[in-house]
C-alpha atoms as a PDB file:
ATOM      1  CA  MET A   1     -45.506 -76.470   1.062  1.00  0.00           C
ATOM      2  CA  ALA A   2     -43.683 -73.160   0.715  1.00  0.00           C
ATOM      3  CA  GLU A   3     -43.420 -70.446   3.338  1.00  0.00           C
ATOM      4  CA  ILE A   4     -44.336 -67.099   1.749  1.00  0.00           C
ATOM      5  CA  HIS A   5     -44.475 -63.791   3.563  1.00  0.00           C
ATOM      6  CA  PRO A   6     -47.764 -61.924   3.051  1.00  0.00           C
ATOM      7  CA  SER A   7     -45.993 -58.868   1.620  1.00  0.00           C
ATOM      8  CA  ALA A   8     -44.323 -60.857  -1.182  1.00  0.00           C
ATOM      9  CA  VAL A   9     -45.709 -60.298  -4.712  1.00  0.00           C
ATOM     10  CA  ILE A  10     -45.787 -63.452  -6.834  1.00  0.00           C
ATOM     11  CA  ALA A  11     -47.191 -63.222 -10.333  1.00  0.00           C
ATOM     12  CA  ASP A  12     -49.540 -65.798 -11.748  1.00  0.00           C
ATOM     13  CA  GLY A  13     -47.618 -68.497 -13.549  1.00  0.00           C
ATOM     14  CA  ALA A  14     -44.565 -68.504 -11.250  1.00  0.00           C
ATOM     15  CA  VAL A  15     -43.628 -71.950  -9.960  1.00  0.00           C
ATOM     16  CA  ILE A  16     -42.580 -72.165  -6.341  1.00  0.00           C
ATOM     17  CA  GLY A  17     -41.009 -75.485  -5.211  1.00  0.00           C
ATOM     18  CA  ASP A  18     -41.602 -77.368  -2.000  1.00  0.00           C
ATOM     19  CA  GLY A  19     -39.791 -75.994   1.040  1.00  0.00           C
ATOM     20  CA  CYS A  20     -39.079 -72.553  -0.487  1.00  0.00           C
ATOM     21  CA  ARG A  21     -39.009 -69.619   1.913  1.00  0.00           C
ATOM     22  CA  ILE A  22     -39.835 -66.267   0.404  1.00  0.00           C
ATOM     23  CA  GLY A  23     -39.295 -63.305   2.728  1.00  0.00           C
ATOM     24  CA  PRO A  24     -40.904 -59.886   2.959  1.00  0.00           C
ATOM     25  CA  PHE A  25     -41.254 -57.590  -0.089  1.00  0.00           C
ATOM     26  CA  CYS A  26     -39.923 -60.039  -2.630  1.00  0.00           C
ATOM     27  CA  VAL A  27     -41.204 -59.722  -6.183  1.00  0.00           C
ATOM     28  CA  ILE A  28     -41.344 -62.756  -8.471  1.00  0.00           C
ATOM     29  CA  GLY A  29     -42.302 -62.617 -12.170  1.00  0.00           C
ATOM     30  CA  PRO A  30     -44.630 -64.965 -14.078  1.00  0.00           C
ATOM     31  CA  ASP A  31     -41.948 -66.989 -15.847  1.00  0.00           C
ATOM     32  CA  VAL A  32     -39.818 -67.707 -12.795  1.00  0.00           C
ATOM     33  CA  VAL A  33     -39.280 -71.296 -11.546  1.00  0.00           C
ATOM     34  CA  LEU A  34     -37.888 -71.923  -8.064  1.00  0.00           C
ATOM     35  CA  ALA A  35     -36.771 -75.454  -7.334  1.00  0.00           C
ATOM     36  CA  ALA A  36     -37.192 -76.974  -3.860  1.00  0.00           C
ATOM     37  CA  ASP A  37     -35.799 -75.239  -0.780  1.00  0.00           C
ATOM     38  CA  VAL A  38     -34.820 -71.955  -2.442  1.00  0.00           C
ATOM     39  CA  VAL A  39     -34.558 -69.155   0.122  1.00  0.00           C
ATOM     40  CA  LEU A  40     -35.210 -65.487  -0.692  1.00  0.00           C
ATOM     41  CA  LYS A  41     -34.329 -63.468   2.381  1.00  0.00           C
ATOM     42  CA  SER A  42     -36.217 -60.217   1.627  1.00  0.00           C
ATOM     43  CA  HIS A  43     -36.546 -57.515  -1.029  1.00  0.00           C
ATOM     44  CA  VAL A  44     -35.372 -59.852  -3.768  1.00  0.00           C
ATOM     45  CA  VAL A  45     -36.503 -59.240  -7.341  1.00  0.00           C
ATOM     46  CA  ILE A  46     -36.605 -62.207  -9.771  1.00  0.00           C
ATOM     47  CA  ASP A  47     -37.963 -61.666 -13.258  1.00  0.00           C
ATOM     48  CA  GLY A  48     -37.710 -62.992 -16.754  1.00  0.00           C
ATOM     49  CA  ASP A  49     -37.485 -66.624 -17.875  1.00  0.00           C
ATOM     50  CA  THR A  50     -35.417 -67.560 -14.824  1.00  0.00           C
ATOM     51  CA  HIS A  51     -34.988 -70.951 -13.223  1.00  0.00           C
ATOM     52  CA  ILE A  52     -33.160 -71.265  -9.868  1.00  0.00           C
ATOM     53  CA  GLY A  53     -31.833 -74.590  -8.620  1.00  0.00           C
ATOM     54  CA  ALA A  54     -32.582 -76.302  -5.316  1.00  0.00           C
ATOM     55  CA  GLY A  55     -31.184 -74.974  -2.145  1.00  0.00           C
ATOM     56  CA  THR A  56     -29.988 -71.634  -3.517  1.00  0.00           C
ATOM     57  CA  GLU A  57     -30.135 -68.676  -1.099  1.00  0.00           C
ATOM     58  CA  ILE A  58     -30.584 -65.132  -2.308  1.00  0.00           C
ATOM     59  CA  TYR A  59     -30.034 -62.200   0.000  1.00  0.00           C
ATOM     60  CA  PRO A  60     -31.760 -58.812   0.176  1.00  0.00           C
ATOM     61  CA  PHE A  61     -31.868 -56.396  -2.811  1.00  0.00           C
ATOM     62  CA  ALA A  62     -30.486 -58.824  -5.365  1.00  0.00           C
ATOM     63  CA  VAL A  63     -32.028 -58.475  -8.835  1.00  0.00           C
ATOM     64  CA  ILE A  64     -32.023 -61.688 -10.761  1.00  0.00           C
ATOM     65  CA  GLY A  65     -33.221 -62.262 -14.338  1.00  0.00           C
ATOM     66  CA  GLU A  66     -33.738 -58.649 -15.452  1.00  0.00           C
ATOM     67  CA  ILE A  67     -33.113 -57.771 -19.160  1.00  0.00           C
ATOM     68  CA  PRO A  68     -29.529 -57.447 -20.368  1.00  0.00           C
ATOM     69  CA  GLN A  69     -27.552 -54.216 -20.257  1.00  0.00           C
ATOM     70  CA  ASP A  70     -26.940 -54.423 -23.950  1.00  0.00           C
ATOM     71  CA  LEU A  71     -28.077 -51.760 -26.420  1.00  0.00           C
ATOM     72  CA  LYS A  72     -28.601 -54.454 -29.088  1.00  0.00           C
ATOM     73  CA  PHE A  73     -31.204 -56.204 -26.981  1.00  0.00           C
ATOM     74  CA  ASP A  74     -34.582 -55.738 -28.606  1.00  0.00           C
ATOM     75  CA  GLY A  75     -36.941 -57.543 -26.217  1.00  0.00           C
ATOM     76  CA  GLU A  76     -36.287 -60.997 -27.615  1.00  0.00           C
ATOM     77  CA  LYS A  77     -37.091 -64.023 -25.494  1.00  0.00           C
ATOM     78  CA  SER A  78     -34.027 -65.104 -23.457  1.00  0.00           C
ATOM     79  CA  ARG A  79     -33.227 -67.052 -20.304  1.00  0.00           C
ATOM     80  CA  LEU A  80     -31.261 -67.260 -17.086  1.00  0.00           C
ATOM     81  CA  ARG A  81     -30.520 -70.645 -15.607  1.00  0.00           C
ATOM     82  CA  ILE A  82     -28.963 -70.868 -12.122  1.00  0.00           C
ATOM     83  CA  GLY A  83     -27.895 -74.170 -10.559  1.00  0.00           C
ATOM     84  CA  ALA A  84     -28.248 -75.616  -7.069  1.00  0.00           C
ATOM     85  CA  ARG A  85     -26.937 -74.510  -3.715  1.00  0.00           C
ATOM     86  CA  ASN A  86     -25.675 -71.122  -4.806  1.00  0.00           C
ATOM     87  CA  ARG A  87     -25.270 -68.270  -2.349  1.00  0.00           C
ATOM     88  CA  ILE A  88     -26.144 -64.962  -3.980  1.00  0.00           C
ATOM     89  CA  ARG A  89     -25.473 -62.064  -1.607  1.00  0.00           C
ATOM     90  CA  GLU A  90     -26.819 -58.572  -1.294  1.00  0.00           C
ATOM     91  CA  HIS A  91     -27.282 -56.323  -4.379  1.00  0.00           C
ATOM     92  CA  VAL A  92     -26.012 -59.007  -6.813  1.00  0.00           C
ATOM     93  CA  THR A  93     -27.337 -58.659 -10.358  1.00  0.00           C
ATOM     94  CA  MET A  94     -27.607 -61.432 -12.936  1.00  0.00           C
ATOM     95  CA  ASN A  95     -29.137 -60.811 -16.397  1.00  0.00           C
ATOM     96  CA  THR A  96     -30.809 -62.961 -18.977  1.00  0.00           C
ATOM     97  CA  GLY A  97     -29.108 -63.640 -22.370  1.00  0.00           C
ATOM     98  CA  THR A  98     -29.405 -62.107 -25.776  1.00  0.00           C
ATOM     99  CA  ALA A  99     -30.182 -63.515 -29.241  1.00  0.00           C
ATOM    100  CA  HIS A 100     -26.649 -62.568 -30.295  1.00  0.00           C
ATOM    101  CA  GLY A 101     -25.120 -64.662 -27.477  1.00  0.00           C
ATOM    102  CA  GLY A 102     -27.326 -67.763 -27.721  1.00  0.00           C
ATOM    103  CA  GLY A 103     -30.193 -66.472 -25.606  1.00  0.00           C
ATOM    104  CA  GLU A 104     -29.051 -67.901 -22.254  1.00  0.00           C
ATOM    105  CA  THR A 105     -27.001 -66.905 -19.255  1.00  0.00           C
ATOM    106  CA  ARG A 106     -25.988 -69.941 -17.234  1.00  0.00           C
ATOM    107  CA  VAL A 107     -24.666 -70.289 -13.678  1.00  0.00           C
ATOM    108  CA  GLY A 108     -23.502 -73.653 -12.300  1.00  0.00           C
ATOM    109  CA  ASP A 109     -23.818 -75.195  -8.806  1.00  0.00           C
ATOM    110  CA  ASP A 110     -22.359 -74.310  -5.423  1.00  0.00           C
ATOM    111  CA  GLY A 111     -21.147 -70.801  -6.269  1.00  0.00           C
ATOM    112  CA  LEU A 112     -20.705 -67.848  -3.985  1.00  0.00           C
ATOM    113  CA  PHE A 113     -21.477 -64.452  -5.460  1.00  0.00           C
ATOM    114  CA  MET A 114     -20.621 -61.771  -2.910  1.00  0.00           C
ATOM    115  CA  ALA A 115     -22.255 -58.474  -2.417  1.00  0.00           C
ATOM    116  CA  GLY A 116     -22.589 -56.135  -5.381  1.00  0.00           C
ATOM    117  CA  CYS A 117     -21.148 -58.408  -8.034  1.00  0.00           C
ATOM    118  CA  HIS A 118     -22.611 -58.605 -11.587  1.00  0.00           C
ATOM    119  CA  ILE A 119     -23.013 -61.479 -14.007  1.00  0.00           C
ATOM    120  CA  ALA A 120     -23.914 -60.135 -17.472  1.00  0.00           C
ATOM    121  CA  HIS A 121     -25.867 -61.544 -20.396  1.00  0.00           C
ATOM    122  CA  ASP A 122     -24.812 -64.784 -22.071  1.00  0.00           C
ATOM    123  CA  ALA A 123     -22.075 -65.531 -19.498  1.00  0.00           C
ATOM    124  CA  ARG A 124     -21.444 -69.166 -18.627  1.00  0.00           C
ATOM    125  CA  ILE A 125     -20.313 -69.669 -15.063  1.00  0.00           C
ATOM    126  CA  GLY A 126     -19.174 -73.096 -13.900  1.00  0.00           C
ATOM    127  CA  ASP A 127     -19.492 -74.901 -10.573  1.00  0.00           C
ATOM    128  CA  ARG A 128     -17.930 -73.756  -7.266  1.00  0.00           C
ATOM    129  CA  VAL A 129     -17.086 -70.344  -8.679  1.00  0.00           C
ATOM    130  CA  ILE A 130     -16.466 -67.445  -6.233  1.00  0.00           C
ATOM    131  CA  VAL A 131     -16.983 -63.850  -7.364  1.00  0.00           C
ATOM    132  CA  VAL A 132     -15.946 -61.477  -4.627  1.00  0.00           C
ATOM    133  CA  ASN A 133     -17.588 -58.135  -3.770  1.00  0.00           C
ATOM    134  CA  SER A 134     -18.199 -55.533  -6.513  1.00  0.00           C
ATOM    135  CA  SER A 135     -16.630 -57.501  -9.335  1.00  0.00           C
ATOM    136  CA  ALA A 136     -18.224 -57.595 -12.778  1.00  0.00           C
ATOM    137  CA  VAL A 137     -18.242 -60.458 -15.342  1.00  0.00           C
ATOM    138  CA  ALA A 138     -19.150 -58.980 -18.732  1.00  0.00           C
ATOM    139  CA  GLY A 139     -21.183 -60.475 -21.530  1.00  0.00           C
ATOM    140  CA  HIS A 140     -20.333 -63.779 -23.253  1.00  0.00           C
ATOM    141  CA  CYS A 141     -17.552 -64.656 -20.720  1.00  0.00           C
ATOM    142  CA  VAL A 142     -16.834 -68.260 -19.817  1.00  0.00           C
ATOM    143  CA  ILE A 143     -15.750 -68.820 -16.254  1.00  0.00           C
ATOM    144  CA  GLU A 144     -14.860 -72.503 -15.725  1.00  0.00           C
ATOM    145  CA  ASP A 145     -15.216 -74.574 -12.523  1.00  0.00           C
ATOM    146  CA  ASP A 146     -13.428 -73.563  -9.306  1.00  0.00           C
ATOM    147  CA  VAL A 147     -12.376 -70.076 -10.450  1.00  0.00           C
ATOM    148  CA  ILE A 148     -11.972 -67.341  -7.845  1.00  0.00           C
ATOM    149  CA  ILE A 149     -12.385 -63.698  -8.969  1.00  0.00           C
ATOM    150  CA  GLY A 150     -11.152 -61.248  -6.350  1.00  0.00           C
ATOM    151  CA  GLY A 151     -12.895 -58.090  -5.244  1.00  0.00           C
ATOM    152  CA  LEU A 152     -13.222 -55.017  -7.461  1.00  0.00           C
ATOM    153  CA  CYS A 153     -12.245 -56.971 -10.613  1.00  0.00           C
ATOM    154  CA  GLY A 154     -13.548 -56.451 -14.176  1.00  0.00           C
ATOM    155  CA  ILE A 155     -13.684 -59.284 -16.627  1.00  0.00           C
ATOM    156  CA  HIS A 156     -13.875 -58.058 -20.243  1.00  0.00           C
ATOM    157  CA  GLN A 157     -16.576 -59.475 -22.569  1.00  0.00           C
ATOM    158  CA  TRP A 158     -15.800 -62.718 -24.391  1.00  0.00           C
ATOM    159  CA  VAL A 159     -12.963 -63.544 -22.014  1.00  0.00           C
ATOM    160  CA  ARG A 160     -12.464 -67.207 -20.938  1.00  0.00           C
ATOM    161  CA  ILE A 161     -11.022 -68.069 -17.556  1.00  0.00           C
ATOM    162  CA  GLY A 162      -9.856 -71.665 -17.256  1.00  0.00           C
ATOM    163  CA  GLN A 163     -10.686 -74.061 -14.430  1.00  0.00           C
ATOM    164  CA  GLY A 164      -9.060 -73.414 -11.095  1.00  0.00           C
ATOM    165  CA  ALA A 165      -7.583 -70.008 -12.011  1.00  0.00           C
ATOM    166  CA  ILE A 166      -7.515 -67.190  -9.499  1.00  0.00           C
ATOM    167  CA  ILE A 167      -7.797 -63.486 -10.216  1.00  0.00           C
ATOM    168  CA  GLY A 168      -6.287 -61.084  -7.632  1.00  0.00           C
ATOM    169  CA  ALA A 169      -8.254 -58.128  -6.309  1.00  0.00           C
ATOM    170  CA  VAL A 170      -8.546 -54.865  -8.293  1.00  0.00           C
ATOM    171  CA  THR A 171      -7.541 -56.486 -11.575  1.00  0.00           C
ATOM    172  CA  MET A 172      -8.863 -55.833 -15.074  1.00  0.00           C
ATOM    173  CA  VAL A 173      -8.749 -58.995 -17.236  1.00  0.00           C
ATOM    174  CA  THR A 174      -9.001 -58.375 -20.985  1.00  0.00           C
ATOM    175  CA  LYS A 175      -7.483 -61.666 -22.288  1.00  0.00           C
ATOM    176  CA  ASP A 176      -8.072 -65.377 -21.747  1.00  0.00           C
ATOM    177  CA  VAL A 177      -6.543 -66.986 -18.625  1.00  0.00           C
ATOM    178  CA  VAL A 178      -5.150 -70.508 -18.745  1.00  0.00           C
ATOM    179  CA  PRO A 179      -6.502 -73.158 -16.329  1.00  0.00           C
ATOM    180  CA  HIS A 180      -4.934 -72.896 -12.819  1.00  0.00           C
ATOM    181  CA  GLY A 181      -3.345 -69.543 -13.691  1.00  0.00           C
ATOM    182  CA  LEU A 182      -2.631 -66.840 -11.155  1.00  0.00           C
ATOM    183  CA  VAL A 183      -3.430 -63.338 -12.402  1.00  0.00           C
ATOM    184  CA  GLN A 184      -2.732 -60.046 -10.599  1.00  0.00           C
ATOM    185  CA  ALA A 185      -1.754 -56.409 -11.181  1.00  0.00           C
ATOM    186  CA  PRO A 186      -4.103 -53.648 -12.323  1.00  0.00           C
ATOM    187  CA  ARG A 187      -4.097 -54.583 -15.973  1.00  0.00           C
ATOM    188  CA  GLY A 188      -3.952 -58.317 -15.423  1.00  0.00           C
ATOM    189  CA  GLU A 189      -0.655 -60.166 -15.661  1.00  0.00           C
ATOM    190  CA  LEU A 190      -0.244 -63.960 -15.671  1.00  0.00           C
ATOM    191  CA  ASP A 191       2.098 -64.246 -12.734  1.00  0.00           C
ATOM    192  CA  GLY A 192       2.298 -68.017 -12.159  1.00  0.00           C
ATOM    193  CA  LEU A 193       0.090 -70.923 -11.142  1.00  0.00           C
ATOM    194  CA  ASN A 194      -2.589 -71.085  -8.432  1.00  0.00           C
ATOM    195  CA  LEU A 195      -0.367 -73.442  -6.437  1.00  0.00           C
ATOM    196  CA  VAL A 196      -2.358 -72.890  -3.225  1.00  0.00           C
ATOM    197  CA  GLY A 197      -5.592 -73.925  -5.001  1.00  0.00           C
ATOM    198  CA  LEU A 198      -3.967 -76.983  -6.560  1.00  0.00           C
ATOM    199  CA  LYS A 199      -2.650 -78.166  -3.200  1.00  0.00           C
ATOM    200  CA  ARG A 200      -6.017 -77.578  -1.438  1.00  0.00           C
ATOM    201  CA  LYS A 201      -7.680 -79.625  -4.144  1.00  0.00           C
ATOM    202  CA  GLY A 202      -5.305 -82.508  -3.432  1.00  0.00           C
ATOM    203  CA  VAL A 203      -3.584 -82.513  -6.852  1.00  0.00           C
ATOM    204  CA  SER A 204      -0.620 -84.845  -6.806  1.00  0.00           C
ATOM    205  CA  ARG A 205       2.926 -83.544  -6.578  1.00  0.00           C
ATOM    206  CA  GLU A 206       3.718 -85.145  -9.946  1.00  0.00           C
ATOM    207  CA  ASP A 207       0.897 -83.210 -11.653  1.00  0.00           C
ATOM    208  CA  ILE A 208       1.898 -79.962 -10.005  1.00  0.00           C
ATOM    209  CA  THR A 209       5.474 -80.469 -11.158  1.00  0.00           C
ATOM    210  CA  ALA A 210       4.259 -81.185 -14.645  1.00  0.00           C
ATOM    211  CA  LEU A 211       2.169 -77.986 -14.610  1.00  0.00           C
ATOM    212  CA  ARG A 212       5.096 -75.911 -13.423  1.00  0.00           C
ATOM    213  CA  ALA A 213       7.261 -77.330 -16.238  1.00  0.00           C
ATOM    214  CA  ALA A 214       4.524 -76.624 -18.761  1.00  0.00           C
ATOM    215  CA  PHE A 215       4.187 -73.055 -17.470  1.00  0.00           C
ATOM    216  CA  GLN A 216       7.950 -72.566 -17.916  1.00  0.00           C
ATOM    217  CA  MET A 217       7.718 -73.884 -21.494  1.00  0.00           C
ATOM    218  CA  LEU A 218       4.882 -71.460 -22.231  1.00  0.00           C
ATOM    219  CA  LYS A 219       6.991 -68.680 -20.840  1.00  0.00           C
ATOM    220  CA  ASP A 220      10.433 -69.441 -22.429  1.00  0.00           C
ATOM    221  CA  GLY A 221       9.833 -71.802 -25.393  1.00  0.00           C
ATOM    222  CA  GLU A 222      10.298 -70.881 -29.008  1.00  0.00           C
ATOM    223  CA  GLY A 223       7.475 -70.023 -31.482  1.00  0.00           C
ATOM    224  CA  THR A 224       4.043 -68.676 -30.876  1.00  0.00           C
ATOM    225  CA  PHE A 225       2.090 -69.239 -27.701  1.00  0.00           C
ATOM    226  CA  GLN A 226      -0.015 -71.858 -29.496  1.00  0.00           C
ATOM    227  CA  ASP A 227       3.132 -73.530 -30.893  1.00  0.00           C
ATOM    228  CA  ARG A 228       4.517 -73.874 -27.396  1.00  0.00           C
ATOM    229  CA  ALA A 229       1.197 -75.285 -26.169  1.00  0.00           C
ATOM    230  CA  ARG A 230       1.197 -77.971 -28.912  1.00  0.00           C
ATOM    231  CA  ARG A 231       4.689 -79.108 -27.863  1.00  0.00           C
ATOM    232  CA  LEU A 232       3.562 -79.618 -24.290  1.00  0.00           C
ATOM    233  CA  THR A 233       1.768 -82.825 -25.187  1.00  0.00           C
ATOM    234  CA  GLU A 234       5.043 -84.278 -26.398  1.00  0.00           C
ATOM    235  CA  ASP A 235       6.721 -83.709 -23.043  1.00  0.00           C
ATOM    236  CA  SER A 236       3.983 -84.630 -20.554  1.00  0.00           C
ATOM    237  CA  ASP A 237       1.149 -87.146 -20.112  1.00  0.00           C
ATOM    238  CA  SER A 238      -0.407 -85.219 -17.212  1.00  0.00           C
ATOM    239  CA  ALA A 239      -4.134 -84.772 -17.532  1.00  0.00           C
ATOM    240  CA  TYR A 240      -3.721 -81.282 -16.069  1.00  0.00           C
ATOM    241  CA  VAL A 241      -1.252 -80.283 -18.707  1.00  0.00           C
ATOM    242  CA  GLN A 242      -3.538 -81.731 -21.430  1.00  0.00           C
ATOM    243  CA  GLN A 243      -6.378 -79.634 -20.006  1.00  0.00           C
ATOM    244  CA  MET A 244      -4.192 -76.537 -20.334  1.00  0.00           C
ATOM    245  CA  VAL A 245      -3.321 -77.421 -23.954  1.00  0.00           C
ATOM    246  CA  ASP A 246      -6.904 -78.047 -24.920  1.00  0.00           C
ATOM    247  CA  PHE A 247      -7.904 -74.709 -23.410  1.00  0.00           C
ATOM    248  CA  ILE A 248      -5.203 -72.789 -25.295  1.00  0.00           C
ATOM    249  CA  LEU A 249      -6.070 -74.448 -28.625  1.00  0.00           C
ATOM    250  CA  GLY A 250      -9.809 -74.111 -28.157  1.00  0.00           C
ATOM    251  CA  ASP A 251     -12.047 -71.539 -29.897  1.00  0.00           C
ATOM    252  CA  THR A 252     -11.704 -68.008 -28.545  1.00  0.00           C
ATOM    253  CA  ASP A 253     -12.367 -64.435 -29.550  1.00  0.00           C
ATOM    254  CA  ARG A 254      -9.547 -63.028 -27.357  1.00  0.00           C
ATOM    255  CA  ASN A 255      -5.787 -63.303 -27.071  1.00  0.00           C
ATOM    256  CA  PHE A 256      -4.180 -64.927 -24.043  1.00  0.00           C
ATOM    257  CA  LEU A 257      -2.494 -63.507 -21.010  1.00  0.00           C
ATOM    258  CA  THR A 258       1.012 -64.967 -21.438  1.00  0.00           C
ATOM    259  CA  PRO A 259       3.632 -65.518 -18.717  1.00  0.00           C
ATOM    260  CA  GLY A 260       5.637 -62.435 -18.027  1.00  0.00           C
END
C-alpha cells in the first residue's frame, strides 16, 4: 500500500510501511525500516540499520543512517532510531552509532531539522527539538526535549543541553547547558533563562519566579556550582527547580556553562 516512484532503488530486505510515499531517485538500504506514512520527497539516501517513525517527512538530498564520521569506527554493527512525525529538511545528515558510544543514535518525535544540519553518532535527541540551518550536534551529545538550537551553531561532543534551553545563532557550545537556559555569544555564555519559551509553554508565574530565583542563586551563591545547586532544593519546592538541580548533579563528562 505504499507509493514508490519507478526510479527509486530499494534493496531486498527493506521494510516499507503502509502509506509511505517514496519519490524519485531515492535509495534505501537492506536494513532500513520505514513505519507507516513516511514521506521521502526525492533523492533521499537511507542506509544502515535505520528505523524511521510514522509520519516523518524527509526532504531532498538528506543522507540518513550512513556510517559515523569517527576514525575509531571499525565497521561494527550500529543503529539509528528516528521517532515519529519529524521533518528532516534538505541536505540533513544523521549517522548511526559506534561501539564506544553504545551503538545507537536516537532521535525523538516531532522534531524539525532544518537544511544542512548534522546529527552525529551516538547523539540522543529528545522530542520537539528544533535544529536550525547548518548547525552540527557532535557525537555523544544529549539534547533534551523542547530544545532550540539556532543557525550556524556547533555543539561539542559529550555536551548535554537541558530541556527547554535555547541556543542563539552562531554559537559554539562546549559545556553543559542547564534546563531552560538561554545561551548566546560566539563562545557560548549562559545569559539567563528562556523566559519566552517558558511562557509559551504555559509555565505558571510561580514556577518562573522560582526558576529566576534559582538562577540568581547559581550566579551569586557561595561555594562551587554543584554546592549552590544542592542548596536550591532547600529554598524551593518547584518541580522546575528540582529538574534543574537533578540535571546539574547528574553524570556528565563536561563542565557547565555558569551564569555570567
